[in-house]
Amino acid sequence: MTTLLVTGYRAHELGIFDSKHQGIPYIKKALMNRLVPLVEEGVDWIITPGQYGVDLWACEVVLALKRQYSGLKLGIITAHAAPEEKWKEEKQNEYRRIVAGADYYAAVSNAPYDGSWQFRARDDLLLRKSDGILLFYDEDAAGGSPKFFKDRALKLHAEGDYGLYLMLAEEIQNIADEESRRGYE
């Protein structure tokens, strides 16, 4: 596997409404724990839809990993042009900083948002261009934006050699618990 798609919940689906939320560092640490072994096994491209939440936190992790793994590349493929234009200024600046560090950035549709077809086209492209997926998905949460990716990835995995790696809420909770225990030692 050389190209890994990383995605998951949008920030609001996790109840995260600002970049200073205490859960974000735990999510990033969980992503780091999952990505390092995959990069060491040969993944050299991480691609993501670049939406605000797990996608962008994964991008930040990849940008940090690029200092250690010089061959690692980051691609962001959005559904439509300027997905950040309606976000608050702080989020726009964060997004643009991350995009500036990406090795590849493109939109499936160069038009502004025009309909859900853009998201379906983007998701189809991301799945076609990747050899596997690391997906933050919680079965207990039932649904949310990652459900489509989970269903499609399960089908691809069953049909062939598409890698499927699920990151669960328990992993993040375990990291938070461990960090909390360390704080009391």
C-alpha atoms as a PDB file:
ATOM      1  CA  MET A   1       0.000   0.000   0.000  1.00  0.00           C
ATOM      2  CA  THR A   2       1.430   3.345  -1.023  1.00  0.00           C
ATOM      3  CA  THR A   3      -1.554   5.733  -0.912  1.00  0.00           C
ATOM      4  CA  LEU A   4      -3.739   5.980   2.174  1.00  0.00           C
ATOM      5  CA  LEU A   5      -6.985   7.908   2.439  1.00  0.00           C
ATOM      6  CA  VAL A   6      -7.526   9.372   5.917  1.00  0.00           C
ATOM      7  CA  THR A   7     -10.891  10.764   6.936  1.00  0.00           C
ATOM      8  CA  GLY A   8     -13.548  10.650   9.605  1.00  0.00           C
ATOM      9  CA  TYR A   9     -15.927  12.888  11.434  1.00  0.00           C
ATOM     10  CA  ARG A  10     -16.322  16.608  10.893  1.00  0.00           C
ATOM     11  CA  ALA A  11     -15.525  18.667  13.990  1.00  0.00           C
ATOM     12  CA  HIS A  12     -19.168  19.524  14.694  1.00  0.00           C
ATOM     13  CA  GLU A  13     -20.120  15.824  14.561  1.00  0.00           C
ATOM     14  CA  LEU A  14     -17.744  15.319  17.494  1.00  0.00           C
ATOM     15  CA  GLY A  15     -19.094  18.326  19.393  1.00  0.00           C
ATOM     16  CA  ILE A  16     -15.914  20.293  18.660  1.00  0.00           C
ATOM     17  CA  PHE A  17     -16.580  23.909  17.787  1.00  0.00           C
ATOM     18  CA  ASP A  18     -13.194  25.590  18.169  1.00  0.00           C
ATOM     19  CA  SER A  19      -9.562  24.725  17.532  1.00  0.00           C
ATOM     20  CA  LYS A  20      -8.674  24.855  21.235  1.00  0.00           C
ATOM     21  CA  HIS A  21     -10.945  21.930  22.212  1.00  0.00           C
ATOM     22  CA  GLN A  22      -9.185  19.597  24.645  1.00  0.00           C
ATOM     23  CA  GLY A  23     -10.041  16.489  22.588  1.00  0.00           C
ATOM     24  CA  ILE A  24      -8.126  17.525  19.457  1.00  0.00           C
ATOM     25  CA  PRO A  25      -4.632  16.641  20.789  1.00  0.00           C
ATOM     26  CA  TYR A  26      -5.865  13.144  21.696  1.00  0.00           C
ATOM     27  CA  ILE A  27      -7.336  12.635  18.224  1.00  0.00           C
ATOM     28  CA  LYS A  28      -4.050  13.805  16.670  1.00  0.00           C
ATOM     29  CA  LYS A  29      -2.058  11.448  18.893  1.00  0.00           C
ATOM     30  CA  ALA A  30      -4.301   8.534  17.882  1.00  0.00           C
ATOM     31  CA  LEU A  31      -3.808   9.465  14.219  1.00  0.00           C
ATOM     32  CA  MET A  32      -0.039   9.659  14.749  1.00  0.00           C
ATOM     33  CA  ASN A  33      -0.035   6.231  16.436  1.00  0.00           C
ATOM     34  CA  ARG A  34      -1.859   4.737  13.456  1.00  0.00           C
ATOM     35  CA  LEU A  35       0.010   6.551  10.682  1.00  0.00           C
ATOM     36  CA  VAL A  36       3.620   5.961  11.766  1.00  0.00           C
ATOM     37  CA  PRO A  37       3.545   2.149  11.308  1.00  0.00           C
ATOM     38  CA  LEU A  38       1.763   2.506   7.962  1.00  0.00           C
ATOM     39  CA  VAL A  39       4.333   5.046   6.727  1.00  0.00           C
ATOM     40  CA  GLU A  40       7.126   2.759   7.910  1.00  0.00           C
ATOM     41  CA  GLU A  41       5.494  -0.087   5.936  1.00  0.00           C
ATOM     42  CA  GLY A  42       5.539   1.911   2.695  1.00  0.00           C
ATOM     43  CA  VAL A  43       2.727   4.459   2.621  1.00  0.00           C
ATOM     44  CA  ASP A  44       4.183   7.532   0.946  1.00  0.00           C
ATOM     45  CA  TRP A  45       1.016   9.482   0.110  1.00  0.00           C
ATOM     46  CA  ILE A  46      -1.707  10.458   2.553  1.00  0.00           C
ATOM     47  CA  ILE A  47      -4.777  11.917   0.855  1.00  0.00           C
ATOM     48  CA  THR A  48      -7.797  13.485   2.482  1.00  0.00           C
ATOM     49  CA  PRO A  49     -10.969  15.409   1.578  1.00  0.00           C
ATOM     50  CA  GLY A  50      -9.694  18.296   3.700  1.00  0.00           C
ATOM     51  CA  GLN A  51     -12.904  19.011   5.584  1.00  0.00           C
ATOM     52  CA  TYR A  52     -12.776  20.664   8.990  1.00  0.00           C
ATOM     53  CA  GLY A  53     -12.343  17.930  11.569  1.00  0.00           C
ATOM     54  CA  VAL A  54     -10.462  14.632  11.388  1.00  0.00           C
ATOM     55  CA  ASP A  55      -9.333  15.394   7.810  1.00  0.00           C
ATOM     56  CA  LEU A  56      -7.490  18.583   8.732  1.00  0.00           C
ATOM     57  CA  TRP A  57      -6.157  17.178  12.010  1.00  0.00           C
ATOM     58  CA  ALA A  58      -4.721  14.291  10.005  1.00  0.00           C
ATOM     59  CA  CYS A  59      -3.140  16.822   7.640  1.00  0.00           C
ATOM     60  CA  GLU A  60      -1.456  18.510  10.592  1.00  0.00           C
ATOM     61  CA  VAL A  61      -0.126  15.141  11.772  1.00  0.00           C
ATOM     62  CA  VAL A  62       1.196  14.387   8.279  1.00  0.00           C
ATOM     63  CA  LEU A  63       2.880  17.792   8.077  1.00  0.00           C
ATOM     64  CA  ALA A  64       4.645  16.993  11.372  1.00  0.00           C
ATOM     65  CA  LEU A  65       5.604  13.497  10.139  1.00  0.00           C
ATOM     66  CA  LYS A  66       7.095  14.934   6.944  1.00  0.00           C
ATOM     67  CA  ARG A  67       9.959  16.313   9.066  1.00  0.00           C
ATOM     68  CA  GLN A  68      10.889  12.754  10.027  1.00  0.00           C
ATOM     69  CA  TYR A  69       9.845  10.964   6.812  1.00  0.00           C
ATOM     70  CA  SER A  70      11.092  13.119   3.949  1.00  0.00           C
ATOM     71  CA  GLY A  71       9.413  10.982   1.275  1.00  0.00           C
ATOM     72  CA  LEU A  72       5.950  11.360   2.776  1.00  0.00           C
ATOM     73  CA  LYS A  73       3.527  13.468   0.755  1.00  0.00           C
ATOM     74  CA  LEU A  74       0.165  15.045   1.566  1.00  0.00           C
ATOM     75  CA  GLY A  75      -2.686  15.471  -0.910  1.00  0.00           C
ATOM     76  CA  ILE A  76      -5.926  17.336  -0.280  1.00  0.00           C
ATOM     77  CA  ILE A  77      -8.732  16.773  -2.767  1.00  0.00           C
ATOM     78  CA  THR A  78     -11.868  18.809  -2.079  1.00  0.00           C
ATOM     79  CA  ALA A  79     -15.342  18.460  -3.557  1.00  0.00           C
ATOM     80  CA  HIS A  80     -15.618  22.021  -4.857  1.00  0.00           C
ATOM     81  CA  ALA A  81     -13.682  25.266  -5.082  1.00  0.00           C
ATOM     82  CA  ALA A  82     -13.044  27.310  -1.925  1.00  0.00           C
ATOM     83  CA  PRO A  83     -14.686  24.977   0.616  1.00  0.00           C
ATOM     84  CA  GLU A  84     -13.507  27.249   3.429  1.00  0.00           C
ATOM     85  CA  GLU A  85     -15.066  30.482   2.170  1.00  0.00           C
ATOM     86  CA  LYS A  86     -18.034  30.395   4.585  1.00  0.00           C
ATOM     87  CA  TRP A  87     -15.993  29.382   7.628  1.00  0.00           C
ATOM     88  CA  LYS A  88     -14.994  31.755  10.402  1.00  0.00           C
ATOM     89  CA  GLU A  89     -11.774  33.645   9.742  1.00  0.00           C
ATOM     90  CA  GLU A  90      -9.760  31.618  12.278  1.00  0.00           C
ATOM     91  CA  LYS A  91     -10.730  28.357  10.570  1.00  0.00           C
ATOM     92  CA  GLN A  92     -10.040  29.836   7.128  1.00  0.00           C
ATOM     93  CA  ASN A  93      -6.529  30.844   8.199  1.00  0.00           C
ATOM     94  CA  GLU A  94      -5.899  27.401   9.700  1.00  0.00           C
ATOM     95  CA  TYR A  95      -7.141  25.733   6.503  1.00  0.00           C
ATOM     96  CA  ARG A  96      -5.020  27.911   4.231  1.00  0.00           C
ATOM     97  CA  ARG A  97      -1.924  27.259   6.369  1.00  0.00           C
ATOM     98  CA  ILE A  98      -2.467  23.503   6.066  1.00  0.00           C
ATOM     99  CA  VAL A  99      -3.159  23.687   2.317  1.00  0.00           C
ATOM    100  CA  ALA A 100       0.067  25.668   1.852  1.00  0.00           C
ATOM    101  CA  GLY A 101       1.977  22.704   3.322  1.00  0.00           C
ATOM    102  CA  ALA A 102       0.312  20.102   1.093  1.00  0.00           C
ATOM    103  CA  ASP A 103       2.197  18.554  -1.800  1.00  0.00           C
ATOM    104  CA  TYR A 104      -0.968  18.377  -3.890  1.00  0.00           C
ATOM    105  CA  TYR A 105      -4.205  20.338  -3.673  1.00  0.00           C
ATOM    106  CA  ALA A 106      -7.130  20.199  -6.081  1.00  0.00           C
ATOM    107  CA  ALA A 107     -10.907  20.348  -6.247  1.00  0.00           C
ATOM    108  CA  VAL A 108     -12.940  17.770  -8.128  1.00  0.00           C
ATOM    109  CA  SER A 109     -15.183  20.611  -9.304  1.00  0.00           C
ATOM    110  CA  ASN A 110     -13.699  24.059  -9.846  1.00  0.00           C
ATOM    111  CA  ALA A 111     -17.140  25.577  -9.355  1.00  0.00           C
ATOM    112  CA  PRO A 112     -18.444  26.678  -5.962  1.00  0.00           C
ATOM    113  CA  TYR A 113     -20.773  24.339  -4.091  1.00  0.00           C
ATOM    114  CA  ASP A 114     -23.444  23.157  -6.504  1.00  0.00           C
ATOM    115  CA  GLY A 115     -24.828  20.002  -4.932  1.00  0.00           C
ATOM    116  CA  SER A 116     -24.141  16.685  -3.280  1.00  0.00           C
ATOM    117  CA  TRP A 117     -22.918  15.266  -6.613  1.00  0.00           C
ATOM    118  CA  GLN A 118     -19.613  17.084  -5.972  1.00  0.00           C
ATOM    119  CA  PHE A 119     -19.108  15.167  -2.724  1.00  0.00           C
ATOM    120  CA  ARG A 120     -19.965  11.836  -4.374  1.00  0.00           C
ATOM    121  CA  ALA A 121     -17.507  12.571  -7.207  1.00  0.00           C
ATOM    122  CA  ARG A 122     -14.809  13.537  -4.701  1.00  0.00           C
ATOM    123  CA  ASP A 123     -15.358  10.434  -2.595  1.00  0.00           C
ATOM    124  CA  ASP A 124     -15.308   8.183  -5.674  1.00  0.00           C
ATOM    125  CA  LEU A 125     -12.009   9.743  -6.768  1.00  0.00           C
ATOM    126  CA  LEU A 126     -10.424   9.440  -3.305  1.00  0.00           C
ATOM    127  CA  LEU A 127     -11.393   5.778  -3.048  1.00  0.00           C
ATOM    128  CA  ARG A 128     -10.141   5.069  -6.594  1.00  0.00           C
ATOM    129  CA  LYS A 129      -6.804   6.797  -5.970  1.00  0.00           C
ATOM    130  CA  SER A 130      -6.087   5.111  -2.623  1.00  0.00           C
ATOM    131  CA  ASP A 131      -4.960   1.616  -1.659  1.00  0.00           C
ATOM    132  CA  GLY A 132      -6.601   1.767   1.750  1.00  0.00           C
ATOM    133  CA  ILE A 133      -8.361   3.965   4.259  1.00  0.00           C
ATOM    134  CA  LEU A 134      -7.795   4.971   7.863  1.00  0.00           C
ATOM    135  CA  LEU A 135     -11.259   5.967   9.002  1.00  0.00           C
ATOM    136  CA  PHE A 136     -12.274   7.401  12.359  1.00  0.00           C
ATOM    137  CA  TYR A 137     -15.690   5.816  12.765  1.00  0.00           C
ATOM    138  CA  ASP A 138     -17.687   4.972  15.864  1.00  0.00           C
ATOM    139  CA  GLU A 139     -20.262   2.196  15.446  1.00  0.00           C
ATOM    140  CA  ASP A 140     -22.142   3.472  18.492  1.00  0.00           C
ATOM    141  CA  ALA A 141     -22.562   6.929  16.933  1.00  0.00           C
ATOM    142  CA  ALA A 142     -24.387   5.361  13.977  1.00  0.00           C
ATOM    143  CA  GLY A 143     -24.008   7.475  10.909  1.00  0.00           C
ATOM    144  CA  GLY A 144     -22.410  10.815  10.351  1.00  0.00           C
ATOM    145  CA  SER A 145     -20.273  11.740   7.390  1.00  0.00           C
ATOM    146  CA  PRO A 146     -17.895   8.728   7.644  1.00  0.00           C
ATOM    147  CA  LYS A 147     -20.682   6.166   7.169  1.00  0.00           C
ATOM    148  CA  PHE A 148     -20.521   6.444   3.368  1.00  0.00           C
ATOM    149  CA  PHE A 149     -16.759   5.872   3.421  1.00  0.00           C
ATOM    150  CA  LYS A 150     -17.123   2.906   5.779  1.00  0.00           C
ATOM    151  CA  ASP A 151     -19.749   1.223   3.598  1.00  0.00           C
ATOM    152  CA  ARG A 152     -17.732   1.754   0.396  1.00  0.00           C
ATOM    153  CA  ALA A 153     -14.428   0.739   2.005  1.00  0.00           C
ATOM    154  CA  LEU A 154     -15.960  -2.464   3.402  1.00  0.00           C
ATOM    155  CA  LYS A 155     -17.117  -3.367  -0.101  1.00  0.00           C
ATOM    156  CA  LEU A 156     -13.704  -2.595  -1.641  1.00  0.00           C
ATOM    157  CA  HIS A 157     -11.979  -4.533   1.139  1.00  0.00           C
ATOM    158  CA  ALA A 158     -14.216  -7.576   0.560  1.00  0.00           C
ATOM    159  CA  GLU A 159     -13.659  -7.428  -3.219  1.00  0.00           C
ATOM    160  CA  GLY A 160      -9.884  -7.231  -3.139  1.00  0.00           C
ATOM    161  CA  ASP A 161      -6.832  -5.937  -1.386  1.00  0.00           C
ATOM    162  CA  TYR A 162      -8.128  -2.527  -0.295  1.00  0.00           C
ATOM    163  CA  GLY A 163      -6.828  -1.841   3.221  1.00  0.00           C
ATOM    164  CA  LEU A 164      -9.378  -0.924   5.860  1.00  0.00           C
ATOM    165  CA  TYR A 165      -8.229   0.519   9.166  1.00  0.00           C
ATOM    166  CA  LEU A 166     -10.870   1.756  11.576  1.00  0.00           C
ATOM    167  CA  MET A 167      -9.896   4.138  14.342  1.00  0.00           C
ATOM    168  CA  LEU A 168     -12.397   3.890  17.155  1.00  0.00           C
ATOM    169  CA  ALA A 169     -13.456   6.291  19.890  1.00  0.00           C
ATOM    170  CA  GLU A 170     -12.034   3.874  22.501  1.00  0.00           C
ATOM    171  CA  GLU A 171      -8.512   4.458  21.132  1.00  0.00           C
ATOM    172  CA  ILE A 172      -8.840   8.170  21.683  1.00  0.00           C
ATOM    173  CA  GLN A 173     -10.387   7.691  25.117  1.00  0.00           C
ATOM    174  CA  ASN A 174      -7.522   5.357  26.091  1.00  0.00           C
ATOM    175  CA  ILE A 175      -4.989   8.013  25.074  1.00  0.00           C
ATOM    176  CA  ALA A 176      -6.874  10.657  27.069  1.00  0.00           C
ATOM    177  CA  ASP A 177      -7.018   8.335  30.106  1.00  0.00           C
ATOM    178  CA  GLU A 178      -3.302   7.546  29.834  1.00  0.00           C
ATOM    179  CA  GLU A 179      -2.397  11.240  29.554  1.00  0.00           C
ATOM    180  CA  SER A 180      -4.600  11.966  32.566  1.00  0.00           C
ATOM    181  CA  ARG A 181      -2.874   9.215  34.619  1.00  0.00           C
ATOM    182  CA  ARG A 182       0.532  10.619  33.642  1.00  0.00           C
ATOM    183  CA  GLY A 183      -0.574  14.038  34.848  1.00  0.00           C
ATOM    184  CA  TYR A 184      -1.230  12.623  38.317  1.00  0.00           C
ATOM    185  CA  GLU A 185       2.085  10.763  38.629  1.00  0.00           C
END
